Amino acid sequence: MSVLPILLIIWAAIAACFLALLAYKGQLTRYEEDQLFLSEAPTHEQQVQTEIVRKVNQIQPFVRVLGVAAAAMTAGIVGIFTYDAWQHLTK
């Protein structure tokens, strides 16, 4: 049995998690606005924006790790596929 189907399954799981986190991040930032609050007193809008930024900053490391993992898996799968095709062509 080839290792390629197993790598494709692992890649699909990583890519699905990565896309789910990107969709969640998009939902979070949909209502984020660039505002400058000059008042010292915290307002409701300021608290909402601070909470959005906190959530986005909290998931950002996971987005980066899964993005790099998906890219590395893609490069590895393409490399293995290319090597296997080259081996079949030279026989």
C-alpha atoms as a PDB file:
ATOM      1  CA  MET A   1       0.000   0.000   0.000  1.00  0.00           C
ATOM      2  CA  SER A   2       1.275   3.429  -0.905  1.00  0.00           C
ATOM      3  CA  VAL A   3       1.767   6.184   1.641  1.00  0.00           C
ATOM      4  CA  LEU A   4       0.107   8.730  -0.640  1.00  0.00           C
ATOM      5  CA  PRO A   5      -3.547   7.954   0.302  1.00  0.00           C
ATOM      6  CA  ILE A   6      -2.704   8.270   3.992  1.00  0.00           C
ATOM      7  CA  LEU A   7      -0.980  11.615   3.385  1.00  0.00           C
ATOM      8  CA  LEU A   8      -3.984  12.827   1.407  1.00  0.00           C
ATOM      9  CA  ILE A   9      -6.329  11.976   4.286  1.00  0.00           C
ATOM     10  CA  ILE A  10      -4.091  13.779   6.793  1.00  0.00           C
ATOM     11  CA  TRP A  11      -3.789  16.750   4.425  1.00  0.00           C
ATOM     12  CA  ALA A  12      -7.583  16.898   4.013  1.00  0.00           C
ATOM     13  CA  ALA A  13      -8.083  16.970   7.795  1.00  0.00           C
ATOM     14  CA  ILE A  14      -5.494  19.729   8.261  1.00  0.00           C
ATOM     15  CA  ALA A  15      -6.903  21.750   5.364  1.00  0.00           C
ATOM     16  CA  ALA A  16     -10.460  21.384   6.690  1.00  0.00           C
ATOM     17  CA  CYS A  17      -9.413  22.642  10.138  1.00  0.00           C
ATOM     18  CA  PHE A  18      -7.501  25.515   8.528  1.00  0.00           C
ATOM     19  CA  LEU A  19     -10.482  26.535   6.392  1.00  0.00           C
ATOM     20  CA  ALA A  20     -12.835  26.270   9.371  1.00  0.00           C
ATOM     21  CA  LEU A  21     -10.608  28.605  11.395  1.00  0.00           C
ATOM     22  CA  LEU A  22     -10.439  31.055   8.486  1.00  0.00           C
ATOM     23  CA  ALA A  23     -14.231  31.025   8.230  1.00  0.00           C
ATOM     24  CA  TYR A  24     -14.562  31.591  11.991  1.00  0.00           C
ATOM     25  CA  LYS A  25     -12.069  34.448  11.849  1.00  0.00           C
ATOM     26  CA  GLY A  26     -14.021  35.957   8.954  1.00  0.00           C
ATOM     27  CA  GLN A  27     -17.220  35.770  10.968  1.00  0.00           C
ATOM     28  CA  LEU A  28     -15.535  37.458  13.918  1.00  0.00           C
ATOM     29  CA  THR A  29     -14.081  40.306  11.906  1.00  0.00           C
ATOM     30  CA  ARG A  30     -17.205  40.923   9.849  1.00  0.00           C
ATOM     31  CA  TYR A  31     -18.461  43.526  12.283  1.00  0.00           C
ATOM     32  CA  GLU A  32     -15.104  44.872  13.397  1.00  0.00           C
ATOM     33  CA  GLU A  33     -14.688  48.549  12.721  1.00  0.00           C
ATOM     34  CA  ASP A  34     -11.608  50.728  12.744  1.00  0.00           C
ATOM     35  CA  GLN A  35     -12.421  53.278  15.394  1.00  0.00           C
ATOM     36  CA  LEU A  36     -10.368  55.463  17.626  1.00  0.00           C
ATOM     37  CA  PHE A  37     -11.891  55.912  21.060  1.00  0.00           C
ATOM     38  CA  LEU A  38     -10.666  59.199  22.528  1.00  0.00           C
ATOM     39  CA  SER A  39     -12.760  59.089  25.665  1.00  0.00           C
ATOM     40  CA  GLU A  40     -11.245  57.618  28.823  1.00  0.00           C
ATOM     41  CA  ALA A  41     -14.582  56.125  29.844  1.00  0.00           C
ATOM     42  CA  PRO A  42     -15.104  52.669  28.361  1.00  0.00           C
ATOM     43  CA  THR A  43     -18.124  52.470  26.097  1.00  0.00           C
ATOM     44  CA  HIS A  44     -20.100  49.462  24.937  1.00  0.00           C
ATOM     45  CA  GLU A  45     -18.723  49.781  21.402  1.00  0.00           C
ATOM     46  CA  GLN A  46     -15.170  49.879  22.707  1.00  0.00           C
ATOM     47  CA  GLN A  47     -15.753  46.751  24.784  1.00  0.00           C
ATOM     48  CA  VAL A  48     -17.214  44.921  21.783  1.00  0.00           C
ATOM     49  CA  GLN A  49     -14.257  45.851  19.579  1.00  0.00           C
ATOM     50  CA  THR A  50     -11.784  44.861  22.284  1.00  0.00           C
ATOM     51  CA  GLU A  51     -13.486  41.469  22.629  1.00  0.00           C
ATOM     52  CA  ILE A  52     -13.334  40.895  18.850  1.00  0.00           C
ATOM     53  CA  VAL A  53      -9.635  41.754  18.757  1.00  0.00           C
ATOM     54  CA  ARG A  54      -8.967  39.461  21.726  1.00  0.00           C
ATOM     55  CA  LYS A  55     -10.693  36.521  20.029  1.00  0.00           C
ATOM     56  CA  VAL A  56      -8.875  37.111  16.747  1.00  0.00           C
ATOM     57  CA  ASN A  57      -5.513  37.329  18.521  1.00  0.00           C
ATOM     58  CA  GLN A  58      -6.332  34.142  20.400  1.00  0.00           C
ATOM     59  CA  ILE A  59      -6.913  32.041  17.262  1.00  0.00           C
ATOM     60  CA  GLN A  60      -4.178  33.655  15.132  1.00  0.00           C
ATOM     61  CA  PRO A  61      -1.383  31.226  16.198  1.00  0.00           C
ATOM     62  CA  PHE A  62      -3.582  28.249  15.283  1.00  0.00           C
ATOM     63  CA  VAL A  63      -4.328  29.774  11.876  1.00  0.00           C
ATOM     64  CA  ARG A  64      -0.608  30.239  11.226  1.00  0.00           C
ATOM     65  CA  VAL A  65       0.348  26.721  12.359  1.00  0.00           C
ATOM     66  CA  LEU A  66      -2.401  25.042  10.347  1.00  0.00           C
ATOM     67  CA  GLY A  67      -1.596  27.191   7.301  1.00  0.00           C
ATOM     68  CA  VAL A  68       2.076  26.239   7.411  1.00  0.00           C
ATOM     69  CA  ALA A  69       1.183  22.587   8.012  1.00  0.00           C
ATOM     70  CA  ALA A  70      -1.229  22.548   5.056  1.00  0.00           C
ATOM     71  CA  ALA A  71       1.375  24.192   2.807  1.00  0.00           C
ATOM     72  CA  ALA A  72       4.094  21.762   3.908  1.00  0.00           C
ATOM     73  CA  MET A  73       1.800  18.784   3.387  1.00  0.00           C
ATOM     74  CA  THR A  74       0.851  20.075  -0.063  1.00  0.00           C
ATOM     75  CA  ALA A  75       4.510  20.447  -1.033  1.00  0.00           C
ATOM     76  CA  GLY A  76       5.293  16.987   0.338  1.00  0.00           C
ATOM     77  CA  ILE A  77       2.420  15.327  -1.498  1.00  0.00           C
ATOM     78  CA  VAL A  78       3.320  17.048  -4.773  1.00  0.00           C
ATOM     79  CA  GLY A  79       6.957  16.007  -4.286  1.00  0.00           C
ATOM     80  CA  ILE A  80       6.069  12.374  -3.600  1.00  0.00           C
ATOM     81  CA  PHE A  81       3.653  12.292  -6.522  1.00  0.00           C
ATOM     82  CA  THR A  82       6.265  13.803  -8.842  1.00  0.00           C
ATOM     83  CA  TYR A  83       8.942  11.377  -7.654  1.00  0.00           C
ATOM     84  CA  ASP A  84       6.597   8.420  -8.118  1.00  0.00           C
ATOM     85  CA  ALA A  85       5.618   9.580 -11.604  1.00  0.00           C
ATOM     86  CA  TRP A  86       9.297  10.051 -12.499  1.00  0.00           C
ATOM     87  CA  GLN A  87      10.067   6.528 -11.326  1.00  0.00           C
ATOM     88  CA  HIS A  88       7.274   5.087 -13.493  1.00  0.00           C
ATOM     89  CA  LEU A  89       8.430   7.062 -16.542  1.00  0.00           C
ATOM     90  CA  THR A  90      12.053   5.934 -16.305  1.00  0.00           C
ATOM     91  CA  LYS A  91      11.226   2.218 -16.068  1.00  0.00           C
END
